[in-house]
Amino acid sequence: MCRMERRLEERITRRARVQHGLITRGQLADEGATDRQIDARLKRGDWQVLRAGLYGLPGRAPGWPSAVMAAVLAAGEGAVASHRAVASLLELPNVVRRLDVTVPAERRVRLPELIVHRSRHLDAADLKPIQGIPATSPARTIIDLASLYERAKVAAILDAAEECGLVLLPLK
């Protein structure tokens, strides 16, 4: 392998490592990989095709964080993990694991296995990466869960989040 190929491989590996061993075709192109190079690696079986344009690299750790990152990458530009996906990553109680992602309101995303929410307002204060995954902040996540669960369940989730130091509530 020539030095240029090695450098490309290092860039790809570095980028995928911070994304739980995942990378998109667009990101590969951003790193300098040509369609021919990408297709050759896919043909050799160097990378696992997870869905069109989304690949898993060797040594990728399976599990929930990887599944959530894959959902965010598959949903595309501006997508973040949200709702039950984030609550599960934060290990909040009584929340069923679901692959919820939120995208900007003007985007239309339809992918099997994903529950896609659209938002007109997703400010920087609403975002906080979790385990390297673009995600809604704990406070925004709890607000989002209020649209899915009854009041008593959300109150219990909020109490648990406060107890873990994920959110600060004003003194009563």
N, C-alpha and C. Protein backbone atom coordinates (compact mmCIF):
# COMPACT_ATOMS: atom_id res chain seq x y z
N MET A 1 0.86 -1.18 0.00
CA MET A 1 0.00 0.00 0.00
C MET A 1 0.90 1.24 0.00
N CYS A 2 0.64 2.15 -0.93
CA CYS A 2 1.45 3.35 -1.03
C CYS A 2 1.12 4.32 0.11
N ARG A 3 1.99 5.30 0.26
CA ARG A 3 1.83 6.25 1.36
C ARG A 3 0.51 7.02 1.27
N MET A 4 0.08 7.40 0.06
CA MET A 4 -1.19 8.12 -0.10
C MET A 4 -2.37 7.25 0.33
N GLU A 5 -2.31 5.98 -0.04
CA GLU A 5 -3.37 5.03 0.36
C GLU A 5 -3.40 4.88 1.88
N ARG A 6 -2.22 4.79 2.49
CA ARG A 6 -2.14 4.66 3.95
C ARG A 6 -2.73 5.88 4.64
N ARG A 7 -2.41 7.06 4.13
CA ARG A 7 -2.96 8.29 4.71
C ARG A 7 -4.48 8.33 4.58
N LEU A 8 -4.98 7.94 3.43
CA LEU A 8 -6.43 7.88 3.24
C LEU A 8 -7.05 6.90 4.23
N GLU A 9 -6.45 5.74 4.36
CA GLU A 9 -6.94 4.73 5.29
C GLU A 9 -6.94 5.25 6.74
N GLU A 10 -5.90 5.98 7.10
CA GLU A 10 -5.81 6.56 8.45
C GLU A 10 -6.92 7.59 8.67
N ARG A 11 -7.17 8.44 7.68
CA ARG A 11 -8.23 9.44 7.81
C ARG A 11 -9.60 8.78 7.94
N ILE A 12 -9.83 7.77 7.13
CA ILE A 12 -11.11 7.06 7.19
C ILE A 12 -11.29 6.39 8.54
N THR A 13 -10.26 5.72 9.00
CA THR A 13 -10.32 5.01 10.29
C THR A 13 -10.54 5.99 11.43
N ARG A 14 -9.83 7.12 11.40
CA ARG A 14 -9.98 8.13 12.45
C ARG A 14 -11.42 8.67 12.49
N ARG A 15 -11.96 8.96 11.32
CA ARG A 15 -13.33 9.50 11.26
C ARG A 15 -14.34 8.46 11.72
N ALA A 16 -14.19 7.24 11.28
CA ALA A 16 -15.12 6.18 11.67
C ALA A 16 -15.02 5.87 13.16
N ARG A 17 -13.83 5.94 13.71
CA ARG A 17 -13.64 5.60 15.14
C ARG A 17 -14.50 6.50 16.04
N VAL A 18 -14.59 7.79 15.73
CA VAL A 18 -15.38 8.70 16.56
C VAL A 18 -16.88 8.57 16.29
N GLN A 19 -17.23 7.74 15.30
CA GLN A 19 -18.63 7.51 14.95
C GLN A 19 -19.02 6.05 15.19
N HIS A 20 -18.41 5.45 16.20
CA HIS A 20 -18.71 4.06 16.57
C HIS A 20 -18.44 3.08 15.42
N GLY A 21 -17.38 3.35 14.65
CA GLY A 21 -16.98 2.45 13.58
C GLY A 21 -17.80 2.57 12.32
N LEU A 22 -18.52 3.67 12.17
CA LEU A 22 -19.41 3.87 11.03
C LEU A 22 -18.95 5.04 10.17
N ILE A 23 -19.28 4.98 8.88
CA ILE A 23 -18.96 6.07 7.98
C ILE A 23 -19.91 6.04 6.79
N THR A 24 -20.21 7.21 6.26
CA THR A 24 -21.11 7.28 5.10
C THR A 24 -20.28 7.43 3.82
N ARG A 25 -20.92 7.16 2.72
CA ARG A 25 -20.25 7.31 1.43
C ARG A 25 -19.83 8.77 1.23
N GLY A 26 -20.69 9.71 1.61
CA GLY A 26 -20.35 11.13 1.50
C GLY A 26 -19.14 11.50 2.33
N GLN A 27 -19.05 10.94 3.53
CA GLN A 27 -17.89 11.21 4.39
C GLN A 27 -16.62 10.61 3.79
N LEU A 28 -16.74 9.43 3.19
CA LEU A 28 -15.59 8.83 2.53
C LEU A 28 -15.09 9.74 1.41
N ALA A 29 -16.02 10.28 0.63
CA ALA A 29 -15.65 11.21 -0.45
C ALA A 29 -15.00 12.46 0.14
N ASP A 30 -15.54 12.95 1.26
CA ASP A 30 -14.94 14.13 1.91
C ASP A 30 -13.50 13.86 2.34
N GLU A 31 -13.21 12.62 2.70
CA GLU A 31 -11.85 12.26 3.12
C GLU A 31 -10.92 12.01 1.93
N GLY A 32 -11.49 12.02 0.71
CA GLY A 32 -10.66 11.88 -0.48
C GLY A 32 -10.78 10.54 -1.18
N ALA A 33 -11.66 9.67 -0.72
CA ALA A 33 -11.83 8.37 -1.36
C ALA A 33 -12.65 8.54 -2.64
N THR A 34 -12.23 7.90 -3.69
CA THR A 34 -12.96 7.94 -4.96
C THR A 34 -14.03 6.84 -4.95
N ASP A 35 -14.99 6.96 -5.84
CA ASP A 35 -16.02 5.92 -5.97
C ASP A 35 -15.37 4.57 -6.25
N ARG A 36 -14.35 4.57 -7.07
CA ARG A 36 -13.65 3.32 -7.41
C ARG A 36 -12.98 2.70 -6.18
N GLN A 37 -12.34 3.52 -5.35
CA GLN A 37 -11.72 3.01 -4.13
C GLN A 37 -12.77 2.47 -3.17
N ILE A 38 -13.86 3.19 -3.03
CA ILE A 38 -14.94 2.75 -2.13
C ILE A 38 -15.51 1.42 -2.62
N ASP A 39 -15.83 1.36 -3.89
CA ASP A 39 -16.43 0.14 -4.46
C ASP A 39 -15.49 -1.06 -4.35
N ALA A 40 -14.19 -0.83 -4.53
CA ALA A 40 -13.21 -1.92 -4.42
C ALA A 40 -13.20 -2.48 -3.00
N ARG A 41 -13.22 -1.60 -2.00
CA ARG A 41 -13.22 -2.07 -0.60
C ARG A 41 -14.52 -2.82 -0.28
N LEU A 42 -15.62 -2.33 -0.81
CA LEU A 42 -16.90 -3.01 -0.59
C LEU A 42 -16.89 -4.39 -1.25
N LYS A 43 -16.37 -4.46 -2.45
CA LYS A 43 -16.31 -5.74 -3.18
C LYS A 43 -15.43 -6.74 -2.44
N ARG A 44 -14.32 -6.28 -1.86
CA ARG A 44 -13.43 -7.16 -1.09
C ARG A 44 -14.03 -7.56 0.25
N GLY A 45 -15.07 -6.85 0.67
CA GLY A 45 -15.67 -7.14 1.97
C GLY A 45 -14.95 -6.47 3.12
N ASP A 46 -14.16 -5.43 2.81
CA ASP A 46 -13.45 -4.71 3.87
C ASP A 46 -14.42 -3.99 4.80
N TRP A 47 -15.52 -3.52 4.24
CA TRP A 47 -16.52 -2.79 5.02
C TRP A 47 -17.87 -3.49 4.89
N GLN A 48 -18.65 -3.42 5.94
CA GLN A 48 -19.98 -4.02 5.93
C GLN A 48 -21.00 -2.97 5.50
N VAL A 49 -21.83 -3.31 4.53
CA VAL A 49 -22.88 -2.39 4.09
C VAL A 49 -24.04 -2.52 5.08
N LEU A 50 -24.35 -1.45 5.79
CA LEU A 50 -25.45 -1.46 6.76
C LEU A 50 -26.75 -1.02 6.11
N ARG A 51 -26.65 -0.09 5.20
CA ARG A 51 -27.75 0.35 4.33
C ARG A 51 -27.10 1.16 3.23
N ALA A 52 -27.83 1.49 2.21
CA ALA A 52 -27.24 2.21 1.09
C ALA A 52 -26.50 3.45 1.58
N GLY A 53 -25.21 3.49 1.28
CA GLY A 53 -24.40 4.66 1.63
C GLY A 53 -23.92 4.72 3.07
N LEU A 54 -24.13 3.66 3.85
CA LEU A 54 -23.68 3.64 5.25
C LEU A 54 -22.94 2.33 5.50
N TYR A 55 -21.71 2.46 6.01
CA TYR A 55 -20.84 1.30 6.14
C TYR A 55 -20.30 1.16 7.56
N GLY A 56 -20.10 -0.09 7.96
CA GLY A 56 -19.44 -0.41 9.21
C GLY A 56 -18.04 -0.90 8.92
N LEU A 57 -17.07 -0.38 9.65
CA LEU A 57 -15.69 -0.79 9.46
C LEU A 57 -15.36 -1.97 10.37
N PRO A 58 -14.31 -2.72 10.05
CA PRO A 58 -13.93 -3.86 10.89
C PRO A 58 -13.66 -3.41 12.32
N GLY A 59 -14.02 -4.26 13.27
CA GLY A 59 -13.79 -3.95 14.68
C GLY A 59 -14.87 -3.07 15.28
N ARG A 60 -15.88 -2.76 14.50
CA ARG A 60 -16.98 -1.92 15.01
C ARG A 60 -17.67 -2.64 16.15
N ALA A 61 -17.83 -1.93 17.26
CA ALA A 61 -18.50 -2.52 18.42
C ALA A 61 -20.00 -2.50 18.20
N PRO A 62 -20.63 -3.67 18.22
CA PRO A 62 -22.08 -3.67 18.08
C PRO A 62 -22.73 -3.14 19.36
N GLY A 63 -23.98 -2.85 19.31
CA GLY A 63 -24.68 -2.40 20.50
C GLY A 63 -25.53 -1.18 20.24
N TRP A 64 -26.20 -0.74 21.30
CA TRP A 64 -27.13 0.36 21.19
C TRP A 64 -26.49 1.67 20.72
N PRO A 65 -25.36 2.11 21.28
CA PRO A 65 -24.77 3.36 20.79
C PRO A 65 -24.46 3.32 19.29
N SER A 66 -23.97 2.21 18.80
CA SER A 66 -23.69 2.07 17.38
C SER A 66 -24.97 2.14 16.56
N ALA A 67 -26.03 1.51 17.04
CA ALA A 67 -27.32 1.55 16.34
C ALA A 67 -27.87 2.97 16.27
N VAL A 68 -27.72 3.72 17.36
CA VAL A 68 -28.20 5.10 17.39
C VAL A 68 -27.37 5.97 16.44
N MET A 69 -26.05 5.80 16.46
CA MET A 69 -25.20 6.57 15.55
C MET A 69 -25.55 6.24 14.10
N ALA A 70 -25.80 4.97 13.81
CA ALA A 70 -26.18 4.58 12.45
C ALA A 70 -27.48 5.27 12.04
N ALA A 71 -28.42 5.37 12.96
CA ALA A 71 -29.70 6.04 12.66
C ALA A 71 -29.47 7.51 12.34
N VAL A 72 -28.63 8.18 13.12
CA VAL A 72 -28.34 9.60 12.89
C VAL A 72 -27.65 9.79 11.54
N LEU A 73 -26.66 8.96 11.24
CA LEU A 73 -25.96 9.07 9.96
C LEU A 73 -26.89 8.78 8.79
N ALA A 74 -27.74 7.77 8.94
CA ALA A 74 -28.67 7.42 7.87
C ALA A 74 -29.68 8.53 7.61
N ALA A 75 -30.07 9.25 8.66
CA ALA A 75 -31.06 10.32 8.52
C ALA A 75 -30.47 11.55 7.85
N GLY A 76 -29.15 11.65 7.80
CA GLY A 76 -28.51 12.70 7.02
C GLY A 76 -28.22 14.00 7.75
N GLU A 77 -27.88 14.97 6.96
CA GLU A 77 -27.45 16.29 7.43
C GLU A 77 -28.42 16.90 8.44
N GLY A 78 -27.88 17.33 9.57
CA GLY A 78 -28.69 18.00 10.58
C GLY A 78 -29.46 17.07 11.51
N ALA A 79 -29.37 15.77 11.30
CA ALA A 79 -30.10 14.82 12.15
C ALA A 79 -29.39 14.65 13.49
N VAL A 80 -30.19 14.47 14.53
CA VAL A 80 -29.66 14.18 15.86
C VAL A 80 -30.52 13.09 16.51
N ALA A 81 -29.90 12.32 17.38
CA ALA A 81 -30.66 11.35 18.17
C ALA A 81 -31.56 12.14 19.11
N SER A 82 -32.73 11.59 19.40
CA SER A 82 -33.68 12.32 20.25
C SER A 82 -34.62 11.35 20.96
N HIS A 83 -35.54 11.91 21.72
CA HIS A 83 -36.62 11.18 22.37
C HIS A 83 -36.10 9.92 23.10
N ARG A 84 -36.67 8.77 22.75
CA ARG A 84 -36.35 7.52 23.45
C ARG A 84 -34.94 7.04 23.18
N ALA A 85 -34.39 7.35 22.01
CA ALA A 85 -33.01 6.94 21.73
C ALA A 85 -32.06 7.58 22.73
N VAL A 86 -32.22 8.88 22.96
CA VAL A 86 -31.35 9.59 23.90
C VAL A 86 -31.64 9.14 25.34
N ALA A 87 -32.91 9.03 25.68
CA ALA A 87 -33.26 8.58 27.04
C ALA A 87 -32.64 7.22 27.34
N SER A 88 -32.61 6.35 26.34
CA SER A 88 -31.99 5.03 26.53
C SER A 88 -30.47 5.14 26.67
N LEU A 89 -29.85 6.01 25.87
CA LEU A 89 -28.41 6.22 26.01
C LEU A 89 -28.06 6.77 27.39
N LEU A 90 -28.95 7.62 27.92
CA LEU A 90 -28.74 8.20 29.26
C LEU A 90 -29.16 7.26 30.38
N GLU A 91 -29.71 6.11 30.00
CA GLU A 91 -30.19 5.10 30.95
C GLU A 91 -31.27 5.64 31.88
N LEU A 92 -32.15 6.46 31.33
CA LEU A 92 -33.28 6.95 32.10
C LEU A 92 -34.29 5.81 32.26
N PRO A 93 -35.00 5.77 33.37
CA PRO A 93 -35.87 4.63 33.66
C PRO A 93 -37.15 4.61 32.84
N ASN A 94 -37.68 3.41 32.66
CA ASN A 94 -39.01 3.20 32.06
C ASN A 94 -39.15 3.74 30.64
N VAL A 95 -38.08 3.70 29.88
CA VAL A 95 -38.12 4.16 28.50
C VAL A 95 -37.75 2.99 27.60
N VAL A 96 -38.62 2.69 26.65
CA VAL A 96 -38.38 1.61 25.69
C VAL A 96 -37.41 2.12 24.63
N ARG A 97 -36.45 1.30 24.27
CA ARG A 97 -35.50 1.69 23.23
C ARG A 97 -36.19 1.81 21.88
N ARG A 98 -36.04 2.96 21.27
CA ARG A 98 -36.55 3.21 19.93
C ARG A 98 -35.53 4.10 19.21
N LEU A 99 -35.41 3.91 17.93
CA LEU A 99 -34.48 4.71 17.14
C LEU A 99 -35.16 6.00 16.68
N ASP A 100 -35.29 6.94 17.63
CA ASP A 100 -35.85 8.26 17.34
C ASP A 100 -34.73 9.19 16.89
N VAL A 101 -34.98 9.92 15.82
CA VAL A 101 -34.08 10.99 15.38
C VAL A 101 -34.93 12.22 15.09
N THR A 102 -34.32 13.38 15.27
CA THR A 102 -34.98 14.64 14.93
C THR A 102 -34.17 15.29 13.82
N VAL A 103 -34.89 15.79 12.83
CA VAL A 103 -34.26 16.47 11.69
C VAL A 103 -34.87 17.86 11.57
N PRO A 104 -34.19 18.76 10.87
CA PRO A 104 -34.78 20.09 10.64
C PRO A 104 -36.13 19.96 9.92
N ALA A 105 -37.04 20.86 10.23
CA ALA A 105 -38.42 20.79 9.73
C ALA A 105 -38.50 20.71 8.21
N GLU A 106 -37.58 21.35 7.52
CA GLU A 106 -37.67 21.37 6.05
C GLU A 106 -37.22 20.05 5.42
N ARG A 107 -36.63 19.16 6.19
CA ARG A 107 -36.15 17.87 5.66
C ARG A 107 -37.24 16.81 5.75
N ARG A 108 -37.31 15.98 4.76
CA ARG A 108 -38.22 14.82 4.75
C ARG A 108 -37.35 13.57 4.73
N VAL A 109 -37.48 12.76 5.75
CA VAL A 109 -36.69 11.53 5.86
C VAL A 109 -37.64 10.39 6.14
N ARG A 110 -37.55 9.34 5.35
CA ARG A 110 -38.34 8.14 5.58
C ARG A 110 -37.41 6.94 5.47
N LEU A 111 -37.16 6.32 6.59
CA LEU A 111 -36.32 5.13 6.61
C LEU A 111 -36.95 4.10 7.52
N PRO A 112 -36.97 2.85 7.08
CA PRO A 112 -37.50 1.81 7.96
C PRO A 112 -36.70 1.74 9.25
N GLU A 113 -37.32 1.35 10.29
CA GLU A 113 -36.74 1.22 11.64
C GLU A 113 -36.55 2.56 12.36
N LEU A 114 -36.62 3.68 11.66
CA LEU A 114 -36.41 4.97 12.32
C LEU A 114 -37.73 5.67 12.55
N ILE A 115 -37.82 6.32 13.70
CA ILE A 115 -38.95 7.19 14.00
C ILE A 115 -38.40 8.60 13.84
N VAL A 116 -38.86 9.27 12.82
CA VAL A 116 -38.30 10.58 12.47
C VAL A 116 -39.25 11.68 12.95
N HIS A 117 -38.69 12.61 13.71
CA HIS A 117 -39.40 13.80 14.19
C HIS A 117 -38.80 14.99 13.46
N ARG A 118 -39.62 15.98 13.18
CA ARG A 118 -39.14 17.19 12.53
C ARG A 118 -39.32 18.35 13.49
N SER A 119 -38.33 19.25 13.51
CA SER A 119 -38.38 20.37 14.44
C SER A 119 -38.02 21.67 13.74
N ARG A 120 -38.82 22.72 14.02
CA ARG A 120 -38.50 24.05 13.50
C ARG A 120 -37.43 24.73 14.35
N HIS A 121 -37.35 24.32 15.61
CA HIS A 121 -36.42 24.96 16.56
C HIS A 121 -35.52 23.91 17.18
N LEU A 122 -34.29 23.90 16.74
CA LEU A 122 -33.28 23.02 17.32
C LEU A 122 -32.03 23.86 17.49
N ASP A 123 -32.01 24.63 18.57
CA ASP A 123 -30.92 25.56 18.83
C ASP A 123 -29.73 24.83 19.46
N ALA A 124 -28.60 25.50 19.50
CA ALA A 124 -27.39 24.93 20.10
C ALA A 124 -27.64 24.51 21.55
N ALA A 125 -28.46 25.26 22.28
CA ALA A 125 -28.77 24.91 23.67
C ALA A 125 -29.56 23.61 23.78
N ASP A 126 -30.19 23.20 22.69
CA ASP A 126 -30.98 21.97 22.66
C ASP A 126 -30.14 20.74 22.34
N LEU A 127 -28.87 20.93 22.06
CA LEU A 127 -28.02 19.84 21.58
C LEU A 127 -26.88 19.56 22.54
N LYS A 128 -26.58 18.27 22.71
CA LYS A 128 -25.42 17.86 23.51
C LYS A 128 -25.05 16.45 23.09
N PRO A 129 -23.86 16.28 22.51
CA PRO A 129 -23.46 14.94 22.09
C PRO A 129 -23.44 13.98 23.29
N ILE A 130 -23.82 12.75 23.02
CA ILE A 130 -23.79 11.70 24.03
C ILE A 130 -23.00 10.54 23.44
N GLN A 131 -21.91 10.18 24.10
CA GLN A 131 -21.04 9.12 23.61
C GLN A 131 -20.61 9.39 22.17
N GLY A 132 -20.39 10.67 21.84
CA GLY A 132 -19.96 11.06 20.51
C GLY A 132 -21.07 11.13 19.47
N ILE A 133 -22.30 10.89 19.89
CA ILE A 133 -23.44 10.88 18.98
C ILE A 133 -24.14 12.23 19.03
N PRO A 134 -24.35 12.88 17.89
CA PRO A 134 -25.13 14.12 17.90
C PRO A 134 -26.52 13.83 18.49
N ALA A 135 -26.90 14.60 19.51
CA ALA A 135 -28.13 14.29 20.24
C ALA A 135 -28.74 15.53 20.86
N THR A 136 -30.00 15.40 21.21
CA THR A 136 -30.65 16.46 21.97
C THR A 136 -30.12 16.42 23.40
N SER A 137 -30.14 17.57 24.04
CA SER A 137 -29.69 17.67 25.43
C SER A 137 -30.65 16.91 26.34
N PRO A 138 -30.21 16.57 27.56
CA PRO A 138 -31.13 15.90 28.48
C PRO A 138 -32.42 16.69 28.71
N ALA A 139 -32.32 18.01 28.87
CA ALA A 139 -33.53 18.81 29.11
C ALA A 139 -34.46 18.76 27.90
N ARG A 140 -33.92 18.93 26.70
CA ARG A 140 -34.74 18.87 25.49
C ARG A 140 -35.34 17.47 25.33
N THR A 141 -34.57 16.45 25.66
CA THR A 141 -35.06 15.08 25.55
C THR A 141 -36.28 14.86 26.44
N ILE A 142 -36.23 15.37 27.66
CA ILE A 142 -37.36 15.21 28.59
C ILE A 142 -38.58 15.97 28.06
N ILE A 143 -38.35 17.15 27.52
CA ILE A 143 -39.47 17.90 26.91
C ILE A 143 -40.07 17.09 25.76
N ASP A 144 -39.22 16.50 24.93
CA ASP A 144 -39.70 15.68 23.82
C ASP A 144 -40.47 14.46 24.33
N LEU A 145 -39.99 13.85 25.39
CA LEU A 145 -40.68 12.67 25.94
C LEU A 145 -42.07 13.02 26.46
N ALA A 146 -42.26 14.27 26.86
CA ALA A 146 -43.57 14.71 27.35
C ALA A 146 -44.64 14.61 26.25
N SER A 147 -44.21 14.60 25.00
CA SER A 147 -45.17 14.44 23.90
C SER A 147 -45.53 12.97 23.67
N LEU A 148 -44.80 12.07 24.31
CA LEU A 148 -45.01 10.63 24.10
C LEU A 148 -45.61 9.91 25.30
N TYR A 149 -45.31 10.41 26.49
CA TYR A 149 -45.69 9.71 27.71
C TYR A 149 -46.63 10.55 28.57
N GLU A 150 -47.32 9.84 29.45
CA GLU A 150 -48.22 10.53 30.38
C GLU A 150 -47.40 11.27 31.44
N ARG A 151 -48.05 12.20 32.06
CA ARG A 151 -47.42 13.12 33.02
C ARG A 151 -46.65 12.40 34.14
N ALA A 152 -47.25 11.37 34.74
CA ALA A 152 -46.60 10.67 35.86
C ALA A 152 -45.29 10.01 35.41
N LYS A 153 -45.29 9.45 34.22
CA LYS A 153 -44.08 8.79 33.71
C LYS A 153 -42.98 9.83 33.44
N VAL A 154 -43.37 10.95 32.86
CA VAL A 154 -42.39 12.01 32.58
C VAL A 154 -41.84 12.57 33.90
N ALA A 155 -42.69 12.70 34.90
CA ALA A 155 -42.24 13.19 36.22
C ALA A 155 -41.20 12.24 36.81
N ALA A 156 -41.42 10.95 36.69
CA ALA A 156 -40.46 9.97 37.20
C ALA A 156 -39.13 10.05 36.43
N ILE A 157 -39.22 10.22 35.12
CA ILE A 157 -38.02 10.35 34.30
C ILE A 157 -37.27 11.63 34.68
N LEU A 158 -38.00 12.71 34.88
CA LEU A 158 -37.39 13.98 35.28
C LEU A 158 -36.70 13.85 36.64
N ASP A 159 -37.36 13.20 37.58
CA ASP A 159 -36.75 12.99 38.90
C ASP A 159 -35.45 12.20 38.78
N ALA A 160 -35.45 11.15 37.97
CA ALA A 160 -34.24 10.34 37.79
C ALA A 160 -33.13 11.16 37.13
N ALA A 161 -33.50 11.98 36.15
CA ALA A 161 -32.51 12.82 35.47
C ALA A 161 -31.91 13.84 36.43
N GLU A 162 -32.73 14.39 37.30
CA GLU A 162 -32.22 15.34 38.29
C GLU A 162 -31.29 14.63 39.28
N GLU A 163 -31.71 13.46 39.72
CA GLU A 163 -30.89 12.69 40.68
C GLU A 163 -29.52 12.35 40.10
N CYS A 164 -29.46 12.09 38.82
CA CYS A 164 -28.18 11.76 38.15
C CYS A 164 -27.38 13.01 37.77
N GLY A 165 -27.96 14.20 38.00
CA GLY A 165 -27.26 15.43 37.66
C GLY A 165 -27.35 15.78 36.18
N LEU A 166 -28.29 15.18 35.46
CA LEU A 166 -28.43 15.48 34.04
C LEU A 166 -29.17 16.80 33.80
N VAL A 167 -30.05 17.15 34.73
CA VAL A 167 -30.77 18.41 34.66
C VAL A 167 -30.78 19.03 36.06
N LEU A 168 -30.86 20.34 36.09
CA LEU A 168 -30.99 21.05 37.37
C LEU A 168 -32.34 21.71 37.42
N LEU A 169 -33.08 21.42 38.48
CA LEU A 169 -34.39 22.02 38.64
C LEU A 169 -34.31 23.13 39.69
N PRO A 170 -35.10 24.18 39.54
CA PRO A 170 -35.08 25.23 40.54
C PRO A 170 -35.55 24.70 41.89
N LEU A 171 -35.05 25.29 42.94
CA LEU A 171 -35.46 24.89 44.29
C LEU A 171 -36.94 25.17 44.47
N LYS A 172 -37.59 24.27 45.16
CA LYS A 172 -39.05 24.41 45.37
C LYS A 172 -39.34 25.24 46.59
